[in-house]
Amino acid sequence: MSDVYKALADGTRRTILDELLERDRQTLFELCGRLATRHGLTSSRQAVSQHLEVLQAAGLVIAVKEGRYKFHSIDTAPLRAITVRWPYREKAGTPMSEPKAYGTLETIDGRPALRFERSLGYPIERVWQAVSTPSELERFFPGAADWTPVAGEIIDAGGMSVEVTQVEAPHLLTWIFAGQPQSFELTPEGDGCRLVFTHIIDDLPAAQTATGWEIYLSRLEPHLAGGHLSEEEAHGPWPEIHELYAERLGVDPEPGRRWAAQNLPVSGA
């Protein structure tokens, strides 16, 4: 968490976050232009790039490469982790920012797959422990099961069999659930690490599934910070995130809306 405070201590980096909060998914070129015209900051592209690297290492910015371009977005999970650990009770339930949709729909071995990328301000060994230790994984991941991170392990997950297929500590953990591979990939990134979660979804509804993973992955950062984001609280912005994904992925939002109406609690109920 010290990386977060260090990143926020610089005024230029705070301005970059303000700009990304106002306009999501900016390239370095776009960001430099808006910093100059809107905020009077004439920093070089190299200087802004270095600031972005610090913010990514702290988990405050996510960079997603699509073709030739790299798009930058703010990630408020570390800030939520701070409020989880030291909450302002009179402001409980106040959202930190508008919901975001960071996942992308790709094709892996001819099959549709969702890919989520996070820059985390924690050592790779710490994040590996969180994703490969059952008692920690259940703090942010759907479901709970007793298992061992060993290739060939068969997990009983609510009556369904899950096979662990790859374990390369502290870099790769893959299992197959309902015939669909899911994987955590970790790579060092400065003092922190980059996490990539991939799920081959086949015929699952893309927007609905992406929203679910966005929700559950949002619980990882508070857990790493020593707090806990409850499942109920994390699902609060589900409808808004789902609409973002439906628009971004170009799919019909109605199936997800019907699911939400049947399964999510009504606000204020």
Protein backbone atom coordinates (compact mmCIF):
# COMPACT_ATOMS: atom_id res chain seq x y z
CA MET A 1 0.00 0.00 0.00
CA SER A 2 3.01 2.30 0.44
CA ASP A 3 3.32 2.33 -3.38
CA VAL A 4 -0.16 3.86 -3.57
CA TYR A 5 0.74 6.68 -1.21
CA LYS A 6 4.00 7.30 -3.06
CA ALA A 7 2.18 7.45 -6.39
CA LEU A 8 -0.45 9.86 -5.06
CA ALA A 9 2.16 12.15 -3.47
CA ASP A 10 3.03 13.65 -6.86
CA GLY A 11 0.74 16.39 -8.17
CA THR A 12 1.22 15.47 -11.82
CA ARG A 13 0.25 11.87 -11.14
CA ARG A 14 -2.87 13.02 -9.30
CA THR A 15 -3.78 15.14 -12.32
CA ILE A 16 -3.28 12.14 -14.61
CA LEU A 17 -5.71 10.16 -12.45
CA ASP A 18 -8.21 13.04 -12.55
CA GLU A 19 -7.96 13.09 -16.33
CA LEU A 20 -8.40 9.31 -16.66
CA LEU A 21 -11.37 9.44 -14.31
CA GLU A 22 -13.00 12.05 -16.53
CA ARG A 23 -12.19 10.26 -19.78
CA ASP A 24 -11.54 6.53 -19.75
CA ARG A 25 -9.21 4.55 -22.05
CA GLN A 26 -6.72 7.16 -23.29
CA THR A 27 -3.57 6.51 -25.28
CA LEU A 28 -0.33 8.19 -24.21
CA PHE A 29 -0.68 10.64 -27.11
CA GLU A 30 -4.24 11.58 -26.15
CA LEU A 31 -3.34 11.90 -22.49
CA CYS A 32 -0.38 14.20 -23.16
CA GLY A 33 -2.56 16.42 -25.34
CA ARG A 34 -5.33 16.72 -22.77
CA LEU A 35 -2.87 17.34 -19.93
CA ALA A 36 -1.42 20.24 -21.92
CA THR A 37 -4.67 21.82 -23.15
CA ARG A 38 -6.85 21.21 -20.10
CA HIS A 39 -4.40 21.34 -17.21
CA GLY A 40 -1.48 23.39 -18.51
CA LEU A 41 0.98 20.52 -18.03
CA THR A 42 3.60 20.46 -20.78
CA SER A 43 5.46 17.35 -19.61
CA SER A 44 7.19 15.33 -22.31
CA ARG A 45 5.72 12.04 -23.47
CA GLN A 46 8.62 10.27 -21.77
CA ALA A 47 7.86 12.00 -18.46
CA VAL A 48 4.15 11.17 -18.67
CA SER A 49 5.03 7.58 -19.59
CA GLN A 50 7.22 7.33 -16.48
CA HIS A 51 4.41 8.69 -14.32
CA LEU A 52 2.06 6.09 -15.82
CA GLU A 53 4.56 3.33 -14.97
CA VAL A 54 4.55 4.44 -11.32
CA LEU A 55 0.75 4.51 -11.28
CA GLN A 56 0.57 1.06 -12.90
CA ALA A 57 3.02 -0.38 -10.37
CA ALA A 58 0.76 0.97 -7.61
CA GLY A 59 -2.29 -0.62 -9.25
CA LEU A 60 -3.93 2.76 -9.89
CA VAL A 61 -3.77 2.57 -13.68
CA ILE A 62 -4.45 -0.32 -16.03
CA ALA A 63 -2.91 -0.38 -19.51
CA VAL A 64 -4.51 -2.63 -22.12
CA LYS A 65 -2.87 -3.09 -25.51
CA GLU A 66 -5.22 -3.47 -28.46
CA GLY A 67 -3.44 -3.77 -31.78
CA ARG A 68 -0.93 -0.95 -32.15
CA TYR A 69 -2.40 1.10 -29.32
CA LYS A 70 -2.20 0.95 -25.55
CA PHE A 71 -5.19 2.35 -23.66
CA HIS A 72 -4.91 3.60 -20.08
CA SER A 73 -7.69 3.53 -17.50
CA ILE A 74 -7.90 4.40 -13.84
CA ASP A 75 -8.36 1.53 -11.38
CA THR A 76 -9.78 2.70 -8.06
CA ALA A 77 -9.44 -0.70 -6.36
CA PRO A 78 -6.42 0.43 -4.26
CA LEU A 79 -8.40 3.47 -3.12
CA ARG A 80 -11.36 1.27 -2.22
CA ALA A 81 -8.95 -0.96 -0.31
CA ILE A 82 -7.91 2.04 1.78
CA THR A 83 -11.52 2.86 2.64
CA VAL A 84 -12.21 -0.80 3.42
CA ARG A 85 -9.31 -0.87 5.85
CA TRP A 86 -10.00 2.57 7.34
CA PRO A 87 -13.66 3.30 6.52
CA TYR A 88 -15.44 6.61 6.99
CA ARG A 89 -18.61 5.28 8.57
CA GLU A 90 -20.68 8.35 7.77
CA LYS A 91 -19.88 7.87 4.07
CA ALA A 92 -20.41 4.13 3.90
CA GLY A 93 -21.72 3.03 0.53
CA THR A 94 -20.51 6.10 -1.35
CA PRO A 95 -19.04 4.94 -4.67
CA MET A 96 -15.44 5.91 -5.40
CA SER A 97 -16.03 6.36 -9.15
CA GLU A 98 -18.16 5.33 -12.07
CA PRO A 99 -18.12 1.58 -12.84
CA LYS A 100 -15.48 0.40 -15.31
CA ALA A 101 -15.26 -2.49 -17.76
CA TYR A 102 -11.68 -3.58 -18.35
CA GLY A 103 -12.09 -7.07 -19.81
CA THR A 104 -11.61 -7.84 -23.49
CA LEU A 105 -13.11 -10.54 -25.70
CA GLU A 106 -10.47 -12.48 -27.63
CA THR A 107 -10.04 -15.76 -29.48
CA ILE A 108 -7.77 -18.51 -28.10
CA ASP A 109 -7.31 -21.68 -30.14
CA GLY A 110 -10.44 -20.81 -32.08
CA ARG A 111 -12.56 -20.38 -28.94
CA PRO A 112 -13.96 -17.12 -27.51
CA ALA A 113 -12.21 -16.03 -24.32
CA LEU A 114 -12.47 -13.19 -21.83
CA ARG A 115 -9.20 -11.61 -20.72
CA PHE A 116 -8.73 -9.35 -17.69
CA GLU A 117 -5.49 -7.58 -16.86
CA ARG A 118 -4.50 -5.90 -13.59
CA SER A 119 -1.33 -4.14 -12.43
CA LEU A 120 -0.98 -4.85 -8.72
CA GLY A 121 1.30 -3.06 -6.29
CA TYR A 122 2.19 -6.27 -4.47
CA PRO A 123 5.08 -8.72 -4.97
CA ILE A 124 4.37 -11.61 -7.29
CA GLU A 125 4.87 -14.08 -4.43
CA ARG A 126 2.12 -12.37 -2.41
CA VAL A 127 -0.35 -12.39 -5.29
CA TRP A 128 0.50 -16.02 -6.09
CA GLN A 129 -0.28 -16.93 -2.50
CA ALA A 130 -3.66 -15.21 -2.80
CA VAL A 131 -4.70 -17.04 -5.99
CA SER A 132 -3.29 -20.47 -5.09
CA THR A 133 -4.23 -20.78 -1.40
CA PRO A 134 -7.82 -22.06 -0.99
CA SER A 135 -8.48 -20.11 2.21
CA GLU A 136 -7.41 -16.88 0.50
CA LEU A 137 -8.96 -17.54 -2.90
CA GLU A 138 -12.41 -17.96 -1.39
CA ARG A 139 -12.14 -14.44 0.05
CA PHE A 140 -12.56 -12.91 -3.40
CA PHE A 141 -13.29 -15.71 -5.89
CA PRO A 142 -16.70 -17.38 -6.44
CA GLY A 143 -17.25 -20.54 -4.43
CA ALA A 144 -15.12 -22.30 -1.87
CA ALA A 145 -13.39 -25.67 -2.05
CA ASP A 146 -10.62 -27.61 -0.34
CA TRP A 147 -7.86 -28.29 -2.85
CA THR A 148 -4.11 -28.39 -3.39
CA PRO A 149 -2.34 -26.43 -6.16
CA VAL A 150 -0.89 -29.50 -7.89
CA ALA A 151 -1.35 -30.44 -11.54
CA GLY A 152 -3.82 -33.32 -11.82
CA GLU A 153 -5.73 -32.34 -8.67
CA ILE A 154 -9.50 -32.85 -9.00
CA ILE A 155 -11.56 -30.31 -7.08
CA ASP A 156 -15.16 -30.83 -6.00
CA ALA A 157 -16.71 -27.40 -6.54
CA GLY A 158 -20.34 -27.59 -5.50
CA GLY A 159 -20.84 -30.99 -7.09
CA MET A 160 -18.89 -30.12 -10.24
CA SER A 161 -15.40 -31.44 -10.98
CA VAL A 162 -12.58 -29.00 -11.63
CA GLU A 163 -9.22 -30.31 -12.85
CA VAL A 164 -6.03 -28.39 -12.10
CA THR A 165 -3.95 -28.69 -15.28
CA GLN A 166 -0.96 -26.35 -14.87
CA VAL A 167 0.90 -25.11 -11.80
CA GLU A 168 4.09 -23.13 -12.35
CA ALA A 169 4.66 -21.16 -9.15
CA PRO A 170 4.58 -18.21 -8.96
CA HIS A 171 3.61 -17.55 -12.58
CA LEU A 172 0.82 -19.78 -13.88
CA LEU A 173 -2.22 -21.56 -12.47
CA THR A 174 -4.75 -23.16 -14.81
CA TRP A 175 -7.78 -25.35 -14.24
CA ILE A 176 -10.65 -26.63 -16.36
CA PHE A 177 -14.18 -25.96 -15.13
CA ALA A 178 -17.12 -27.36 -17.12
CA GLY A 179 -14.79 -27.98 -20.05
CA GLN A 180 -13.59 -24.37 -20.06
CA PRO A 181 -10.00 -23.44 -19.09
CA GLN A 182 -9.50 -20.61 -16.62
CA SER A 183 -6.04 -19.31 -15.80
CA PHE A 184 -4.11 -16.87 -13.66
CA GLU A 185 -0.86 -15.62 -15.19
CA LEU A 186 1.50 -13.49 -13.09
CA THR A 187 4.59 -11.59 -14.23
CA PRO A 188 6.85 -9.27 -12.19
CA GLU A 189 6.34 -5.56 -12.83
CA GLY A 190 8.63 -3.26 -10.88
CA ASP A 191 8.00 -3.82 -7.18
CA GLY A 192 4.60 -5.31 -8.01
CA CYS A 193 3.23 -7.68 -10.60
CA ARG A 194 0.83 -7.94 -13.51
CA LEU A 195 -2.07 -10.37 -13.28
CA VAL A 196 -3.87 -11.70 -16.34
CA PHE A 197 -7.00 -13.80 -15.80
CA THR A 198 -8.37 -15.65 -18.82
CA HIS A 199 -11.58 -17.66 -19.19
CA ILE A 200 -12.51 -19.52 -22.38
CA ILE A 201 -16.27 -19.03 -22.36
CA ASP A 202 -17.49 -20.95 -25.46
CA ASP A 203 -21.27 -20.29 -25.58
CA LEU A 204 -21.63 -18.49 -22.23
CA PRO A 205 -23.18 -14.98 -22.46
CA ALA A 206 -20.16 -12.72 -22.91
CA ALA A 207 -21.37 -9.52 -21.22
CA GLN A 208 -22.93 -11.32 -18.26
CA THR A 209 -19.85 -13.51 -17.71
CA ALA A 210 -17.47 -10.55 -18.09
CA THR A 211 -19.45 -8.58 -15.54
CA GLY A 212 -19.24 -11.43 -13.06
CA TRP A 213 -15.47 -11.65 -13.37
CA GLU A 214 -15.11 -7.87 -13.15
CA ILE A 215 -17.02 -8.01 -9.88
CA TYR A 216 -14.98 -10.84 -8.37
CA LEU A 217 -11.61 -9.50 -9.49
CA SER A 218 -12.49 -6.16 -7.89
CA ARG A 219 -12.38 -7.98 -4.54
CA LEU A 220 -8.74 -9.07 -4.94
CA GLU A 221 -7.09 -5.70 -4.26
CA PRO A 222 -8.94 -5.07 -0.97
CA HIS A 223 -8.00 -8.60 0.12
CA LEU A 224 -4.32 -8.00 -0.65
CA ALA A 225 -4.53 -4.76 1.33
CA GLY A 226 -5.73 -6.64 4.40
CA GLY A 227 -9.39 -5.72 4.05
CA HIS A 228 -12.45 -7.45 2.65
CA LEU A 229 -14.95 -6.34 0.02
CA SER A 230 -18.10 -8.36 0.61
CA GLU A 231 -19.80 -10.14 -2.26
CA GLU A 232 -22.96 -8.11 -1.69
CA GLU A 233 -21.09 -4.79 -1.80
CA ALA A 234 -19.05 -5.83 -4.84
CA HIS A 235 -22.23 -6.73 -6.75
CA GLY A 236 -23.74 -3.29 -6.13
CA PRO A 237 -22.73 -1.83 -9.52
CA TRP A 238 -23.49 -5.08 -11.43
CA PRO A 239 -26.24 -3.56 -13.66
CA GLU A 240 -24.11 -0.57 -14.66
CA ILE A 241 -21.03 -2.70 -15.39
CA HIS A 242 -23.13 -5.13 -17.41
CA GLU A 243 -24.48 -2.31 -19.60
CA LEU A 244 -20.91 -1.14 -20.24
CA TYR A 245 -19.84 -4.63 -21.28
CA ALA A 246 -22.89 -5.21 -23.47
CA GLU A 247 -22.13 -1.99 -25.35
CA ARG A 248 -18.39 -2.60 -25.51
CA LEU A 249 -18.69 -6.21 -26.68
CA GLY A 250 -21.59 -5.45 -29.02
CA VAL A 251 -23.99 -8.03 -27.57
CA ASP A 252 -27.67 -8.04 -26.61
CA PRO A 253 -28.00 -6.84 -22.98
CA GLU A 254 -31.45 -8.36 -22.42
CA PRO A 255 -30.34 -11.84 -21.17
CA GLY A 256 -28.14 -10.21 -18.54
CA ARG A 257 -30.86 -7.79 -17.53
CA ARG A 258 -33.28 -10.67 -17.01
CA TRP A 259 -30.70 -12.57 -14.96
CA ALA A 260 -30.07 -9.51 -12.80
CA ALA A 261 -33.79 -8.97 -12.22
CA GLN A 262 -34.16 -12.56 -11.03
CA ASN A 263 -30.96 -12.95 -9.00
CA LEU A 264 -29.73 -9.60 -7.69
CA PRO A 265 -31.26 -7.96 -4.61
CA VAL A 266 -33.40 -4.90 -5.28
CA SER A 267 -31.72 -1.71 -4.06
CA GLY A 268 -33.28 -0.56 -0.81
CA ALA A 269 -35.15 -3.83 -0.29
